[in-house]
Amino acid sequence: MRAVRTILGVVCRLLAWGCRILAILFAIICIALCFGPVASLAPVANLTYWLQDIVYDGFSGLFVWISPLGGSFRGDFALSSVILFVLDWALVRASVALRR
């Protein structure tokens, strides 16, 4: 029983790392898209299209505002980042609880 709990704890920790990496990517792109010249770069545009496919369709394109710096603030990316950070926190807590 102890081995199963340890394995589940490690799986939760790995999922938490995945959520954290995606949340950081969403946050970086959300900030980068606020600047007009940065948003037109090909790698940023490609990453934006890839992340757009990950966003839940229910709030895709939600809370998108024009920024005064020539770009746009993607509220759906910011919301996805917050949700993923909360999920990361919950998974780390579950991992610690399972390994005790």
C-alpha atoms as a PDB file:
ATOM      1  CA  MET A   1       0.000   0.000   0.000  1.00  0.00           C
ATOM      2  CA  ARG A   2       2.890   2.329   0.797  1.00  0.00           C
ATOM      3  CA  ALA A   3       4.405   1.792  -2.670  1.00  0.00           C
ATOM      4  CA  VAL A   4       1.140   2.700  -4.409  1.00  0.00           C
ATOM      5  CA  ARG A   5       0.866   5.914  -2.399  1.00  0.00           C
ATOM      6  CA  THR A   6       4.465   6.800  -3.258  1.00  0.00           C
ATOM      7  CA  ILE A   7       3.861   6.178  -6.962  1.00  0.00           C
ATOM      8  CA  LEU A   8       0.693   8.291  -6.879  1.00  0.00           C
ATOM      9  CA  GLY A   9       2.633  11.024  -5.094  1.00  0.00           C
ATOM     10  CA  VAL A  10       5.295  11.014  -7.795  1.00  0.00           C
ATOM     11  CA  VAL A  11       2.634  11.104 -10.538  1.00  0.00           C
ATOM     12  CA  CYS A  12       0.968  14.075  -8.828  1.00  0.00           C
ATOM     13  CA  ARG A  13       4.320  15.820  -8.617  1.00  0.00           C
ATOM     14  CA  LEU A  14       5.011  15.259 -12.332  1.00  0.00           C
ATOM     15  CA  LEU A  15       1.551  16.539 -13.274  1.00  0.00           C
ATOM     16  CA  ALA A  16       2.184  19.565 -11.069  1.00  0.00           C
ATOM     17  CA  TRP A  17       5.407  20.287 -12.942  1.00  0.00           C
ATOM     18  CA  GLY A  18       3.558  20.064 -16.263  1.00  0.00           C
ATOM     19  CA  CYS A  19       0.867  22.453 -15.025  1.00  0.00           C
ATOM     20  CA  ARG A  20       3.511  24.853 -13.741  1.00  0.00           C
ATOM     21  CA  ILE A  21       5.396  24.914 -17.054  1.00  0.00           C
ATOM     22  CA  LEU A  22       2.197  25.522 -19.023  1.00  0.00           C
ATOM     23  CA  ALA A  23       1.099  28.235 -16.583  1.00  0.00           C
ATOM     24  CA  ILE A  24       4.433  30.025 -16.962  1.00  0.00           C
ATOM     25  CA  LEU A  25       4.165  29.788 -20.765  1.00  0.00           C
ATOM     26  CA  PHE A  26       0.646  31.240 -20.677  1.00  0.00           C
ATOM     27  CA  ALA A  27       1.805  34.089 -18.414  1.00  0.00           C
ATOM     28  CA  ILE A  28       4.838  34.926 -20.569  1.00  0.00           C
ATOM     29  CA  ILE A  29       2.833  34.944 -23.782  1.00  0.00           C
ATOM     30  CA  CYS A  30       0.059  36.965 -22.140  1.00  0.00           C
ATOM     31  CA  ILE A  31       2.590  39.638 -21.191  1.00  0.00           C
ATOM     32  CA  ALA A  32       4.469  39.474 -24.507  1.00  0.00           C
ATOM     33  CA  LEU A  33       1.286  39.967 -26.539  1.00  0.00           C
ATOM     34  CA  CYS A  34       0.654  43.283 -24.785  1.00  0.00           C
ATOM     35  CA  PHE A  35       3.524  44.750 -26.815  1.00  0.00           C
ATOM     36  CA  GLY A  36       2.639  45.223 -30.486  1.00  0.00           C
ATOM     37  CA  PRO A  37       6.055  44.597 -32.099  1.00  0.00           C
ATOM     38  CA  VAL A  38       6.657  41.451 -30.047  1.00  0.00           C
ATOM     39  CA  ALA A  39       3.290  39.986 -31.000  1.00  0.00           C
ATOM     40  CA  SER A  40       4.196  40.008 -34.690  1.00  0.00           C
ATOM     41  CA  LEU A  41       7.320  37.866 -34.311  1.00  0.00           C
ATOM     42  CA  ALA A  42       6.946  34.423 -35.891  1.00  0.00           C
ATOM     43  CA  PRO A  43       7.958  32.317 -32.835  1.00  0.00           C
ATOM     44  CA  VAL A  44       5.565  34.254 -30.600  1.00  0.00           C
ATOM     45  CA  ALA A  45       2.755  33.887 -33.128  1.00  0.00           C
ATOM     46  CA  ASN A  46       3.389  30.148 -33.475  1.00  0.00           C
ATOM     47  CA  LEU A  47       3.396  29.681 -29.703  1.00  0.00           C
ATOM     48  CA  THR A  48       0.207  31.741 -29.458  1.00  0.00           C
ATOM     49  CA  TYR A  49      -1.553  29.505 -31.986  1.00  0.00           C
ATOM     50  CA  TRP A  50      -0.369  26.386 -30.151  1.00  0.00           C
ATOM     51  CA  LEU A  51      -1.543  27.712 -26.780  1.00  0.00           C
ATOM     52  CA  GLN A  52      -4.844  28.811 -28.314  1.00  0.00           C
ATOM     53  CA  ASP A  53      -5.551  25.161 -29.134  1.00  0.00           C
ATOM     54  CA  ILE A  54      -5.016  24.226 -25.475  1.00  0.00           C
ATOM     55  CA  VAL A  55      -7.406  26.854 -24.073  1.00  0.00           C
ATOM     56  CA  TYR A  56     -10.858  25.564 -23.156  1.00  0.00           C
ATOM     57  CA  ASP A  57     -13.396  26.584 -25.804  1.00  0.00           C
ATOM     58  CA  GLY A  58     -15.757  27.968 -23.151  1.00  0.00           C
ATOM     59  CA  PHE A  59     -13.532  30.954 -22.457  1.00  0.00           C
ATOM     60  CA  SER A  60     -11.414  31.068 -25.589  1.00  0.00           C
ATOM     61  CA  GLY A  61     -11.230  34.679 -26.739  1.00  0.00           C
ATOM     62  CA  LEU A  62     -12.795  35.929 -23.498  1.00  0.00           C
ATOM     63  CA  PHE A  63     -11.489  39.144 -21.873  1.00  0.00           C
ATOM     64  CA  VAL A  64      -9.319  40.225 -24.798  1.00  0.00           C
ATOM     65  CA  TRP A  65      -8.536  43.938 -24.556  1.00  0.00           C
ATOM     66  CA  ILE A  66      -6.421  46.264 -26.667  1.00  0.00           C
ATOM     67  CA  SER A  67      -3.385  47.429 -24.719  1.00  0.00           C
ATOM     68  CA  PRO A  68      -2.047  50.982 -24.956  1.00  0.00           C
ATOM     69  CA  LEU A  69       1.301  49.548 -26.093  1.00  0.00           C
ATOM     70  CA  GLY A  70      -0.028  48.378 -29.453  1.00  0.00           C
ATOM     71  CA  GLY A  71      -0.799  44.779 -28.616  1.00  0.00           C
ATOM     72  CA  SER A  72      -3.639  43.023 -26.876  1.00  0.00           C
ATOM     73  CA  PHE A  73      -4.137  41.584 -23.415  1.00  0.00           C
ATOM     74  CA  ARG A  74      -5.348  37.984 -23.675  1.00  0.00           C
ATOM     75  CA  GLY A  75      -7.578  37.447 -20.689  1.00  0.00           C
ATOM     76  CA  ASP A  76      -8.188  33.833 -21.648  1.00  0.00           C
ATOM     77  CA  PHE A  77      -4.440  33.184 -21.413  1.00  0.00           C
ATOM     78  CA  ALA A  78      -4.253  34.965 -18.056  1.00  0.00           C
ATOM     79  CA  LEU A  79      -7.237  32.981 -16.757  1.00  0.00           C
ATOM     80  CA  SER A  80      -5.695  29.728 -18.012  1.00  0.00           C
ATOM     81  CA  SER A  81      -2.439  30.626 -16.269  1.00  0.00           C
ATOM     82  CA  VAL A  82      -4.210  31.251 -12.954  1.00  0.00           C
ATOM     83  CA  ILE A  83      -6.192  28.002 -13.228  1.00  0.00           C
ATOM     84  CA  LEU A  84      -3.032  26.037 -14.001  1.00  0.00           C
ATOM     85  CA  PHE A  85      -1.156  27.612 -11.079  1.00  0.00           C
ATOM     86  CA  VAL A  86      -4.011  26.675  -8.706  1.00  0.00           C
ATOM     87  CA  LEU A  87      -4.050  23.154 -10.136  1.00  0.00           C
ATOM     88  CA  ASP A  88      -0.271  22.977  -9.646  1.00  0.00           C
ATOM     89  CA  TRP A  89      -0.663  24.020  -6.011  1.00  0.00           C
ATOM     90  CA  ALA A  90      -3.392  21.421  -5.417  1.00  0.00           C
ATOM     91  CA  LEU A  91      -1.334  18.655  -7.019  1.00  0.00           C
ATOM     92  CA  VAL A  92       1.738  19.492  -4.921  1.00  0.00           C
ATOM     93  CA  ARG A  93      -0.396  19.403  -1.786  1.00  0.00           C
ATOM     94  CA  ALA A  94      -1.852  16.051  -2.821  1.00  0.00           C
ATOM     95  CA  SER A  95       1.622  14.721  -3.563  1.00  0.00           C
ATOM     96  CA  VAL A  96       2.897  15.687  -0.114  1.00  0.00           C
ATOM     97  CA  ALA A  97      -0.175  14.195   1.558  1.00  0.00           C
ATOM     98  CA  LEU A  98       0.182  10.922  -0.362  1.00  0.00           C
ATOM     99  CA  ARG A  99       3.839  10.481   0.504  1.00  0.00           C
ATOM    100  CA  ARG A 100       3.336  10.894   4.258  1.00  0.00           C
END
